[in-house]
Amino acid sequence: METPARDALLKLACNSSLTRDASAPQGLTEPQKKCLEADQALVKLKLAYQALRNDLIAEFHQLNKETSDDAKRFDEYRTLQKLIRARRKKIHDDAKGKM
């Protein structure tokens, strides 16, 4: 026995996880993001990355692994990029979890 009210309730129950509150904040505000960028570990990683980047550019005049004679330093440069990205994502996810 299907009734319109029963069908409506079943559809609502099935789709409840797909709906969200439009008025709820979906992300961090710009001031919150800027505050998170001041994380000490992130700042240290950024400084190390920038110093290595400047050294590589000064030595090889560009950032290109194929022309770099020192592949180990270029790999370190890429590793620092990945660490910065991972650290930034972790602190942003932690902040969103606290919201």
PDB file of N, CA and C in Angstrom:
ATOM      1  N   MET A   1       0.842  -1.170   0.000  1.00  0.00           N
ATOM      2  CA  MET A   1       0.000   0.000   0.000  1.00  0.00           C
ATOM      3  C   MET A   1       0.888   1.234   0.000  1.00  0.00           C
ATOM      4  N   GLU A   2       0.929   1.842  -1.134  1.00  0.00           N
ATOM      5  CA  GLU A   2       1.732   3.046  -1.260  1.00  0.00           C
ATOM      6  C   GLU A   2       0.826   4.264  -1.211  1.00  0.00           C
ATOM      7  N   THR A   3       1.204   5.180  -0.361  1.00  0.00           N
ATOM      8  CA  THR A   3       0.461   6.430  -0.247  1.00  0.00           C
ATOM      9  C   THR A   3       1.421   7.570  -0.541  1.00  0.00           C
ATOM     10  N   PRO A   4       0.910   8.698  -0.988  1.00  0.00           N
ATOM     11  CA  PRO A   4       1.806   9.824  -1.288  1.00  0.00           C
ATOM     12  C   PRO A   4       2.624  10.268  -0.075  1.00  0.00           C
ATOM     13  N   ALA A   5       2.025  10.247   1.099  1.00  0.00           N
ATOM     14  CA  ALA A   5       2.754  10.671   2.298  1.00  0.00           C
ATOM     15  C   ALA A   5       3.877   9.698   2.609  1.00  0.00           C
ATOM     16  N   ARG A   6       3.598   8.403   2.477  1.00  0.00           N
ATOM     17  CA  ARG A   6       4.611   7.382   2.759  1.00  0.00           C
ATOM     18  C   ARG A   6       5.756   7.501   1.745  1.00  0.00           C
ATOM     19  N   ASP A   7       5.421   7.686   0.474  1.00  0.00           N
ATOM     20  CA  ASP A   7       6.441   7.836  -0.562  1.00  0.00           C
ATOM     21  C   ASP A   7       7.311   9.067  -0.313  1.00  0.00           C
ATOM     22  N   ALA A   8       6.689  10.150   0.094  1.00  0.00           N
ATOM     23  CA  ALA A   8       7.441  11.374   0.374  1.00  0.00           C
ATOM     24  C   ALA A   8       8.401  11.169   1.538  1.00  0.00           C
ATOM     25  N   LEU A   9       7.946  10.474   2.582  1.00  0.00           N
ATOM     26  CA  LEU A   9       8.816  10.207   3.731  1.00  0.00           C
ATOM     27  C   LEU A   9       9.975   9.291   3.343  1.00  0.00           C
ATOM     28  N   LEU A  10       9.708   8.290   2.525  1.00  0.00           N
ATOM     29  CA  LEU A  10      10.777   7.392   2.090  1.00  0.00           C
ATOM     30  C   LEU A  10      11.815   8.137   1.249  1.00  0.00           C
ATOM     31  N   LYS A  11      11.358   8.982   0.350  1.00  0.00           N
ATOM     32  CA  LYS A  11      12.284   9.762  -0.471  1.00  0.00           C
ATOM     33  C   LYS A  11      13.116  10.709   0.385  1.00  0.00           C
ATOM     34  N   LEU A  12      12.481  11.313   1.373  1.00  0.00           N
ATOM     35  CA  LEU A  12      13.194  12.218   2.267  1.00  0.00           C
ATOM     36  C   LEU A  12      14.250  11.469   3.061  1.00  0.00           C
ATOM     37  N   ALA A  13      13.899  10.289   3.566  1.00  0.00           N
ATOM     38  CA  ALA A  13      14.845   9.501   4.354  1.00  0.00           C
ATOM     39  C   ALA A  13      16.023   9.043   3.493  1.00  0.00           C
ATOM     40  N   CYS A  14      15.760   8.684   2.260  1.00  0.00           N
ATOM     41  CA  CYS A  14      16.826   8.212   1.368  1.00  0.00           C
ATOM     42  C   CYS A  14      17.754   9.339   0.941  1.00  0.00           C
ATOM     43  N   ASN A  15      17.235  10.533   0.788  1.00  0.00           N
ATOM     44  CA  ASN A  15      18.030  11.657   0.302  1.00  0.00           C
ATOM     45  C   ASN A  15      18.528  12.571   1.414  1.00  0.00           C
ATOM     46  N   SER A  16      18.302  12.213   2.651  1.00  0.00           N
ATOM     47  CA  SER A  16      18.669  13.120   3.740  1.00  0.00           C
ATOM     48  C   SER A  16      20.172  13.349   3.814  1.00  0.00           C
ATOM     49  N   SER A  17      20.954  12.342   3.476  1.00  0.00           N
ATOM     50  CA  SER A  17      22.402  12.528   3.530  1.00  0.00           C
ATOM     51  C   SER A  17      22.903  13.356   2.354  1.00  0.00           C
ATOM     52  N   LEU A  18      22.090  13.507   1.328  1.00  0.00           N
ATOM     53  CA  LEU A  18      22.504  14.262   0.155  1.00  0.00           C
ATOM     54  C   LEU A  18      22.194  15.746   0.270  1.00  0.00           C
ATOM     55  N   THR A  19      21.398  16.099   1.245  1.00  0.00           N
ATOM     56  CA  THR A  19      21.030  17.498   1.400  1.00  0.00           C
ATOM     57  C   THR A  19      21.927  18.157   2.436  1.00  0.00           C
ATOM     58  N   ARG A  20      22.042  19.446   2.346  1.00  0.00           N
ATOM     59  CA  ARG A  20      22.854  20.180   3.314  1.00  0.00           C
ATOM     60  C   ARG A  20      22.175  21.509   3.613  1.00  0.00           C
ATOM     61  N   ASP A  21      22.579  22.082   4.716  1.00  0.00           N
ATOM     62  CA  ASP A  21      22.045  23.372   5.115  1.00  0.00           C
ATOM     63  C   ASP A  21      22.770  24.455   4.319  1.00  0.00           C
ATOM     64  N   ALA A  22      22.051  25.164   3.492  1.00  0.00           N
ATOM     65  CA  ALA A  22      22.667  26.185   2.640  1.00  0.00           C
ATOM     66  C   ALA A  22      23.224  27.350   3.444  1.00  0.00           C
ATOM     67  N   SER A  23      22.701  27.579   4.624  1.00  0.00           N
ATOM     68  CA  SER A  23      23.181  28.702   5.423  1.00  0.00           C
ATOM     69  C   SER A  23      24.421  28.349   6.241  1.00  0.00           C
ATOM     70  N   ALA A  24      24.749  27.071   6.329  1.00  0.00           N
ATOM     71  CA  ALA A  24      25.919  26.650   7.100  1.00  0.00           C
ATOM     72  C   ALA A  24      27.191  27.012   6.332  1.00  0.00           C
ATOM     73  N   PRO A  25      28.235  27.455   7.030  1.00  0.00           N
ATOM     74  CA  PRO A  25      29.482  27.796   6.337  1.00  0.00           C
ATOM     75  C   PRO A  25      30.105  26.543   5.722  1.00  0.00           C
ATOM     76  N   GLN A  26      30.563  26.650   4.490  1.00  0.00           N
ATOM     77  CA  GLN A  26      31.123  25.503   3.782  1.00  0.00           C
ATOM     78  C   GLN A  26      32.645  25.439   3.879  1.00  0.00           C
ATOM     79  N   GLY A  27      33.265  26.516   4.242  1.00  0.00           N
ATOM     80  CA  GLY A  27      34.718  26.541   4.323  1.00  0.00           C
ATOM     81  C   GLY A  27      35.183  27.608   5.288  1.00  0.00           C
ATOM     82  N   LEU A  28      36.482  27.806   5.301  1.00  0.00           N
ATOM     83  CA  LEU A  28      37.068  28.806   6.186  1.00  0.00           C
ATOM     84  C   LEU A  28      36.995  30.181   5.526  1.00  0.00           C
ATOM     85  N   THR A  29      36.881  31.202   6.344  1.00  0.00           N
ATOM     86  CA  THR A  29      36.880  32.565   5.825  1.00  0.00           C
ATOM     87  C   THR A  29      38.324  32.980   5.523  1.00  0.00           C
ATOM     88  N   GLU A  30      38.489  34.045   4.781  1.00  0.00           N
ATOM     89  CA  GLU A  30      39.834  34.519   4.428  1.00  0.00           C
ATOM     90  C   GLU A  30      40.681  34.863   5.663  1.00  0.00           C
ATOM     91  N   PRO A  31      40.129  35.559   6.674  1.00  0.00           N
ATOM     92  CA  PRO A  31      40.954  35.815   7.869  1.00  0.00           C
ATOM     93  C   PRO A  31      41.383  34.527   8.579  1.00  0.00           C
ATOM     94  N   GLN A  32      40.504  33.529   8.591  1.00  0.00           N
ATOM     95  CA  GLN A  32      40.865  32.252   9.208  1.00  0.00           C
ATOM     96  C   GLN A  32      41.985  31.575   8.424  1.00  0.00           C
ATOM     97  N   LYS A  33      41.914  31.622   7.105  1.00  0.00           N
ATOM     98  CA  LYS A  33      42.954  31.014   6.273  1.00  0.00           C
ATOM     99  C   LYS A  33      44.294  31.710   6.483  1.00  0.00           C
ATOM    100  N   LYS A  34      44.274  33.037   6.575  1.00  0.00           N
ATOM    101  CA  LYS A  34      45.517  33.782   6.789  1.00  0.00           C
ATOM    102  C   LYS A  34      46.118  33.459   8.152  1.00  0.00           C
ATOM    103  N   CYS A  35      45.264  33.273   9.131  1.00  0.00           N
ATOM    104  CA  CYS A  35      45.733  32.913  10.470  1.00  0.00           C
ATOM    105  C   CYS A  35      46.398  31.535  10.450  1.00  0.00           C
ATOM    106  N   LEU A  36      45.840  30.614   9.689  1.00  0.00           N
ATOM    107  CA  LEU A  36      46.405  29.270   9.606  1.00  0.00           C
ATOM    108  C   LEU A  36      47.754  29.262   8.894  1.00  0.00           C
ATOM    109  N   GLU A  37      47.964  30.190   7.979  1.00  0.00           N
ATOM    110  CA  GLU A  37      49.233  30.264   7.256  1.00  0.00           C
ATOM    111  C   GLU A  37      50.379  30.695   8.172  1.00  0.00           C
ATOM    112  N   ALA A  38      50.065  31.191   9.360  1.00  0.00           N
ATOM    113  CA  ALA A  38      51.090  31.623  10.311  1.00  0.00           C
ATOM    114  C   ALA A  38      51.593  30.467  11.172  1.00  0.00           C
ATOM    115  N   ASP A  39      51.184  29.245  10.868  1.00  0.00           N
ATOM    116  CA  ASP A  39      51.644  28.059  11.596  1.00  0.00           C
ATOM    117  C   ASP A  39      53.175  27.985  11.527  1.00  0.00           C
ATOM    118  N   GLN A  40      53.818  27.781  12.677  1.00  0.00           N
ATOM    119  CA  GLN A  40      55.283  27.834  12.748  1.00  0.00           C
ATOM    120  C   GLN A  40      55.949  26.783  11.865  1.00  0.00           C
ATOM    121  N   ALA A  41      55.435  25.564  11.868  1.00  0.00           N
ATOM    122  CA  ALA A  41      56.029  24.508  11.039  1.00  0.00           C
ATOM    123  C   ALA A  41      55.890  24.845   9.559  1.00  0.00           C
ATOM    124  N   LEU A  42      54.756  25.398   9.187  1.00  0.00           N
ATOM    125  CA  LEU A  42      54.530  25.779   7.794  1.00  0.00           C
ATOM    126  C   LEU A  42      55.454  26.924   7.386  1.00  0.00           C
ATOM    127  N   VAL A  43      55.645  27.880   8.269  1.00  0.00           N
ATOM    128  CA  VAL A  43      56.537  29.011   7.978  1.00  0.00           C
ATOM    129  C   VAL A  43      57.974  28.522   7.786  1.00  0.00           C
ATOM    130  N   LYS A  44      58.424  27.596   8.630  1.00  0.00           N
ATOM    131  CA  LYS A  44      59.786  27.057   8.499  1.00  0.00           C
ATOM    132  C   LYS A  44      59.957  26.317   7.174  1.00  0.00           C
ATOM    133  N   LEU A  45      58.954  25.521   6.802  1.00  0.00           N
ATOM    134  CA  LEU A  45      59.020  24.807   5.528  1.00  0.00           C
ATOM    135  C   LEU A  45      59.067  25.780   4.350  1.00  0.00           C
ATOM    136  N   LYS A  46      58.261  26.831   4.428  1.00  0.00           N
ATOM    137  CA  LYS A  46      58.238  27.820   3.346  1.00  0.00           C
ATOM    138  C   LYS A  46      59.585  28.526   3.219  1.00  0.00           C
ATOM    139  N   LEU A  47      60.201  28.861   4.352  1.00  0.00           N
ATOM    140  CA  LEU A  47      61.500  29.534   4.314  1.00  0.00           C
ATOM    141  C   LEU A  47      62.575  28.625   3.722  1.00  0.00           C
ATOM    142  N   ALA A  48      62.574  27.350   4.118  1.00  0.00           N
ATOM    143  CA  ALA A  48      63.545  26.400   3.571  1.00  0.00           C
ATOM    144  C   ALA A  48      63.323  26.211   2.075  1.00  0.00           C
ATOM    145  N   TYR A  49      62.077  26.127   1.686  1.00  0.00           N
ATOM    146  CA  TYR A  49      61.727  25.981   0.267  1.00  0.00           C
ATOM    147  C   TYR A  49      62.198  27.188  -0.539  1.00  0.00           C
ATOM    148  N   GLN A  50      61.923  28.378  -0.035  1.00  0.00           N
ATOM    149  CA  GLN A  50      62.298  29.600  -0.754  1.00  0.00           C
ATOM    150  C   GLN A  50      63.816  29.732  -0.861  1.00  0.00           C
ATOM    151  N   ALA A  51      64.529  29.377   0.218  1.00  0.00           N
ATOM    152  CA  ALA A  51      65.992  29.460   0.186  1.00  0.00           C
ATOM    153  C   ALA A  51      66.567  28.485  -0.841  1.00  0.00           C
ATOM    154  N   LEU A  52      66.064  27.256  -0.850  1.00  0.00           N
ATOM    155  CA  LEU A  52      66.550  26.268  -1.811  1.00  0.00           C
ATOM    156  C   LEU A  52      66.197  26.680  -3.238  1.00  0.00           C
ATOM    157  N   ARG A  53      65.016  27.218  -3.414  1.00  0.00           N
ATOM    158  CA  ARG A  53      64.583  27.685  -4.739  1.00  0.00           C
ATOM    159  C   ARG A  53      65.511  28.794  -5.240  1.00  0.00           C
ATOM    160  N   ASN A  54      65.799  29.744  -4.379  1.00  0.00           N
ATOM    161  CA  ASN A  54      66.695  30.843  -4.764  1.00  0.00           C
ATOM    162  C   ASN A  54      68.094  30.330  -5.095  1.00  0.00           C
ATOM    163  N   ASP A  55      68.590  29.354  -4.313  1.00  0.00           N
ATOM    164  CA  ASP A  55      69.909  28.777  -4.586  1.00  0.00           C
ATOM    165  C   ASP A  55      69.940  28.073  -5.943  1.00  0.00           C
ATOM    166  N   LEU A  56      68.899  27.293  -6.231  1.00  0.00           N
ATOM    167  CA  LEU A  56      68.854  26.574  -7.504  1.00  0.00           C
ATOM    168  C   LEU A  56      68.779  27.539  -8.686  1.00  0.00           C
ATOM    169  N   ILE A  57      67.991  28.587  -8.546  1.00  0.00           N
ATOM    170  CA  ILE A  57      67.882  29.573  -9.625  1.00  0.00           C
ATOM    171  C   ILE A  57      69.204  30.313  -9.803  1.00  0.00           C
ATOM    172  N   ALA A  58      69.859  30.659  -8.700  1.00  0.00           N
ATOM    173  CA  ALA A  58      71.139  31.362  -8.795  1.00  0.00           C
ATOM    174  C   ALA A  58      72.204  30.484  -9.453  1.00  0.00           C
ATOM    175  N   GLU A  59      72.167  29.197  -9.168  1.00  0.00           N
ATOM    176  CA  GLU A  59      73.188  28.300  -9.702  1.00  0.00           C
ATOM    177  C   GLU A  59      72.911  27.886 -11.151  1.00  0.00           C
ATOM    178  N   PHE A  60      71.656  27.540 -11.449  1.00  0.00           N
ATOM    179  CA  PHE A  60      71.332  26.996 -12.772  1.00  0.00           C
ATOM    180  C   PHE A  60      70.518  27.956 -13.642  1.00  0.00           C
ATOM    181  N   HIS A  61      70.130  29.104 -13.115  1.00  0.00           N
ATOM    182  CA  HIS A  61      69.361  30.128 -13.821  1.00  0.00           C
ATOM    183  C   HIS A  61      67.947  29.692 -14.197  1.00  0.00           C
ATOM    184  N   GLN A  62      67.516  28.549 -13.691  1.00  0.00           N
ATOM    185  CA  GLN A  62      66.151  28.078 -13.915  1.00  0.00           C
ATOM    186  C   GLN A  62      65.880  26.882 -13.011  1.00  0.00           C
ATOM    187  N   LEU A  63      64.628  26.475 -12.972  1.00  0.00           N
ATOM    188  CA  LEU A  63      64.243  25.294 -12.205  1.00  0.00           C
ATOM    189  C   LEU A  63      63.817  24.216 -13.196  1.00  0.00           C
ATOM    190  N   ASN A  64      64.766  23.397 -13.586  1.00  0.00           N
ATOM    191  CA  ASN A  64      64.477  22.343 -14.537  1.00  0.00           C
ATOM    192  C   ASN A  64      65.339  21.141 -14.179  1.00  0.00           C
ATOM    193  N   LYS A  65      64.697  20.035 -13.870  1.00  0.00           N
ATOM    194  CA  LYS A  65      65.435  18.863 -13.421  1.00  0.00           C
ATOM    195  C   LYS A  65      66.364  18.332 -14.513  1.00  0.00           C
ATOM    196  N   GLU A  66      65.950  18.418 -15.763  1.00  0.00           N
ATOM    197  CA  GLU A  66      66.752  17.874 -16.848  1.00  0.00           C
ATOM    198  C   GLU A  66      68.077  18.626 -17.012  1.00  0.00           C
ATOM    199  N   THR A  67      68.063  19.920 -16.762  1.00  0.00           N
ATOM    200  CA  THR A  67      69.294  20.696 -16.920  1.00  0.00           C
ATOM    201  C   THR A  67      70.074  20.798 -15.610  1.00  0.00           C
ATOM    202  N   SER A  68      69.470  20.343 -14.533  1.00  0.00           N
ATOM    203  CA  SER A  68      70.135  20.430 -13.235  1.00  0.00           C
ATOM    204  C   SER A  68      71.195  19.335 -13.118  1.00  0.00           C
ATOM    205  N   ASP A  69      72.406  19.730 -12.750  1.00  0.00           N
ATOM    206  CA  ASP A  69      73.474  18.759 -12.531  1.00  0.00           C
ATOM    207  C   ASP A  69      73.328  18.096 -11.169  1.00  0.00           C
ATOM    208  N   ASP A  70      72.608  18.737 -10.287  1.00  0.00           N
ATOM    209  CA  ASP A  70      72.451  18.249  -8.922  1.00  0.00           C
ATOM    210  C   ASP A  70      71.008  17.783  -8.720  1.00  0.00           C
ATOM    211  N   ALA A  71      70.715  16.566  -9.158  1.00  0.00           N
ATOM    212  CA  ALA A  71      69.347  16.035  -9.092  1.00  0.00           C
ATOM    213  C   ALA A  71      68.893  15.853  -7.643  1.00  0.00           C
ATOM    214  N   LYS A  72      69.827  15.618  -6.747  1.00  0.00           N
ATOM    215  CA  LYS A  72      69.460  15.414  -5.342  1.00  0.00           C
ATOM    216  C   LYS A  72      68.843  16.685  -4.755  1.00  0.00           C
ATOM    217  N   ARG A  73      69.419  17.829  -5.059  1.00  0.00           N
ATOM    218  CA  ARG A  73      68.865  19.093  -4.552  1.00  0.00           C
ATOM    219  C   ARG A  73      67.520  19.394  -5.192  1.00  0.00           C
ATOM    220  N   PHE A  74      67.367  19.047  -6.468  1.00  0.00           N
ATOM    221  CA  PHE A  74      66.083  19.261  -7.127  1.00  0.00           C
ATOM    222  C   PHE A  74      65.014  18.356  -6.508  1.00  0.00           C
ATOM    223  N   ASP A  75      65.383  17.116  -6.173  1.00  0.00           N
ATOM    224  CA  ASP A  75      64.440  16.214  -5.503  1.00  0.00           C
ATOM    225  C   ASP A  75      64.064  16.752  -4.125  1.00  0.00           C
ATOM    226  N   GLU A  76      65.034  17.345  -3.439  1.00  0.00           N
ATOM    227  CA  GLU A  76      64.752  17.963  -2.141  1.00  0.00           C
ATOM    228  C   GLU A  76      63.770  19.127  -2.309  1.00  0.00           C
ATOM    229  N   TYR A  77      63.929  19.881  -3.388  1.00  0.00           N
ATOM    230  CA  TYR A  77      63.022  20.989  -3.711  1.00  0.00           C
ATOM    231  C   TYR A  77      61.598  20.468  -3.895  1.00  0.00           C
ATOM    232  N   ARG A  78      61.438  19.394  -4.656  1.00  0.00           N
ATOM    233  CA  ARG A  78      60.108  18.805  -4.874  1.00  0.00           C
ATOM    234  C   ARG A  78      59.536  18.242  -3.570  1.00  0.00           C
ATOM    235  N   THR A  79      60.379  17.648  -2.756  1.00  0.00           N
ATOM    236  CA  THR A  79      59.929  17.104  -1.475  1.00  0.00           C
ATOM    237  C   THR A  79      59.424  18.219  -0.570  1.00  0.00           C
ATOM    238  N   LEU A  80      60.122  19.337  -0.545  1.00  0.00           N
ATOM    239  CA  LEU A  80      59.669  20.476   0.257  1.00  0.00           C
ATOM    240  C   LEU A  80      58.322  20.989  -0.235  1.00  0.00           C
ATOM    241  N   GLN A  81      58.119  21.017  -1.551  1.00  0.00           N
ATOM    242  CA  GLN A  81      56.821  21.427  -2.093  1.00  0.00           C
ATOM    243  C   GLN A  81      55.709  20.518  -1.576  1.00  0.00           C
ATOM    244  N   LYS A  82      55.962  19.219  -1.605  1.00  0.00           N
ATOM    245  CA  LYS A  82      54.955  18.250  -1.151  1.00  0.00           C
ATOM    246  C   LYS A  82      54.703  18.373   0.345  1.00  0.00           C
ATOM    247  N   LEU A  83      55.757  18.610   1.119  1.00  0.00           N
ATOM    248  CA  LEU A  83      55.595  18.765   2.567  1.00  0.00           C
ATOM    249  C   LEU A  83      54.777  20.007   2.901  1.00  0.00           C
ATOM    250  N   ILE A  84      55.018  21.093   2.181  1.00  0.00           N
ATOM    251  CA  ILE A  84      54.249  22.327   2.402  1.00  0.00           C
ATOM    252  C   ILE A  84      52.784  22.088   2.081  1.00  0.00           C
ATOM    253  N   ARG A  85      52.528  21.448   0.964  1.00  0.00           N
ATOM    254  CA  ARG A  85      51.147  21.171   0.559  1.00  0.00           C
ATOM    255  C   ARG A  85      50.447  20.271   1.587  1.00  0.00           C
ATOM    256  N   ALA A  86      51.151  19.251   2.067  1.00  0.00           N
ATOM    257  CA  ALA A  86      50.566  18.330   3.040  1.00  0.00           C
ATOM    258  C   ALA A  86      50.313  19.022   4.379  1.00  0.00           C
ATOM    259  N   ARG A  87      51.262  19.828   4.822  1.00  0.00           N
ATOM    260  CA  ARG A  87      51.100  20.536   6.101  1.00  0.00           C
ATOM    261  C   ARG A  87      49.934  21.520   6.025  1.00  0.00           C
ATOM    262  N   ARG A  88      49.850  22.253   4.912  1.00  0.00           N
ATOM    263  CA  ARG A  88      48.765  23.219   4.738  1.00  0.00           C
ATOM    264  C   ARG A  88      47.411  22.498   4.745  1.00  0.00           C
ATOM    265  N   LYS A  89      47.321  21.384   4.054  1.00  0.00           N
ATOM    266  CA  LYS A  89      46.071  20.624   4.014  1.00  0.00           C
ATOM    267  C   LYS A  89      45.711  20.111   5.405  1.00  0.00           C
ATOM    268  N   LYS A  90      46.700  19.647   6.155  1.00  0.00           N
ATOM    269  CA  LYS A  90      46.432  19.120   7.492  1.00  0.00           C
ATOM    270  C   LYS A  90      45.891  20.202   8.421  1.00  0.00           C
ATOM    271  N   ILE A  91      46.510  21.382   8.429  1.00  0.00           N
ATOM    272  CA  ILE A  91      46.024  22.418   9.343  1.00  0.00           C
ATOM    273  C   ILE A  91      44.672  22.959   8.885  1.00  0.00           C
ATOM    274  N   HIS A  92      44.423  22.999   7.588  1.00  0.00           N
ATOM    275  CA  HIS A  92      43.110  23.445   7.098  1.00  0.00           C
ATOM    276  C   HIS A  92      42.036  22.422   7.452  1.00  0.00           C
ATOM    277  N   ASP A  93      42.351  21.138   7.284  1.00  0.00           N
ATOM    278  CA  ASP A  93      41.378  20.098   7.632  1.00  0.00           C
ATOM    279  C   ASP A  93      41.096  20.083   9.129  1.00  0.00           C
ATOM    280  N   ASP A  94      42.138  20.286   9.940  1.00  0.00           N
ATOM    281  CA  ASP A  94      41.938  20.343  11.394  1.00  0.00           C
ATOM    282  C   ASP A  94      41.042  21.518  11.774  1.00  0.00           C
ATOM    283  N   ALA A  95      41.261  22.658  11.138  1.00  0.00           N
ATOM    284  CA  ALA A  95      40.450  23.844  11.435  1.00  0.00           C
ATOM    285  C   ALA A  95      39.005  23.641  10.992  1.00  0.00           C
ATOM    286  N   LYS A  96      38.805  23.000   9.852  1.00  0.00           N
ATOM    287  CA  LYS A  96      37.441  22.739   9.385  1.00  0.00           C
ATOM    288  C   LYS A  96      36.741  21.745  10.304  1.00  0.00           C
ATOM    289  N   GLY A  97      37.500  20.806  10.868  1.00  0.00           N
ATOM    290  CA  GLY A  97      36.928  19.829  11.787  1.00  0.00           C
ATOM    291  C   GLY A  97      36.468  20.465  13.087  1.00  0.00           C
ATOM    292  N   LYS A  98      37.104  21.553  13.477  1.00  0.00           N
ATOM    293  CA  LYS A  98      36.731  22.248  14.715  1.00  0.00           C
ATOM    294  C   LYS A  98      35.532  23.155  14.528  1.00  0.00           C
ATOM    295  N   MET A  99      35.157  23.428  13.269  1.00  0.00           N
ATOM    296  CA  MET A  99      34.030  24.327  13.004  1.00  0.00           C
ATOM    297  C   MET A  99      32.725  23.698  13.438  1.00  0.00           C
TER     298      MET A  99
END
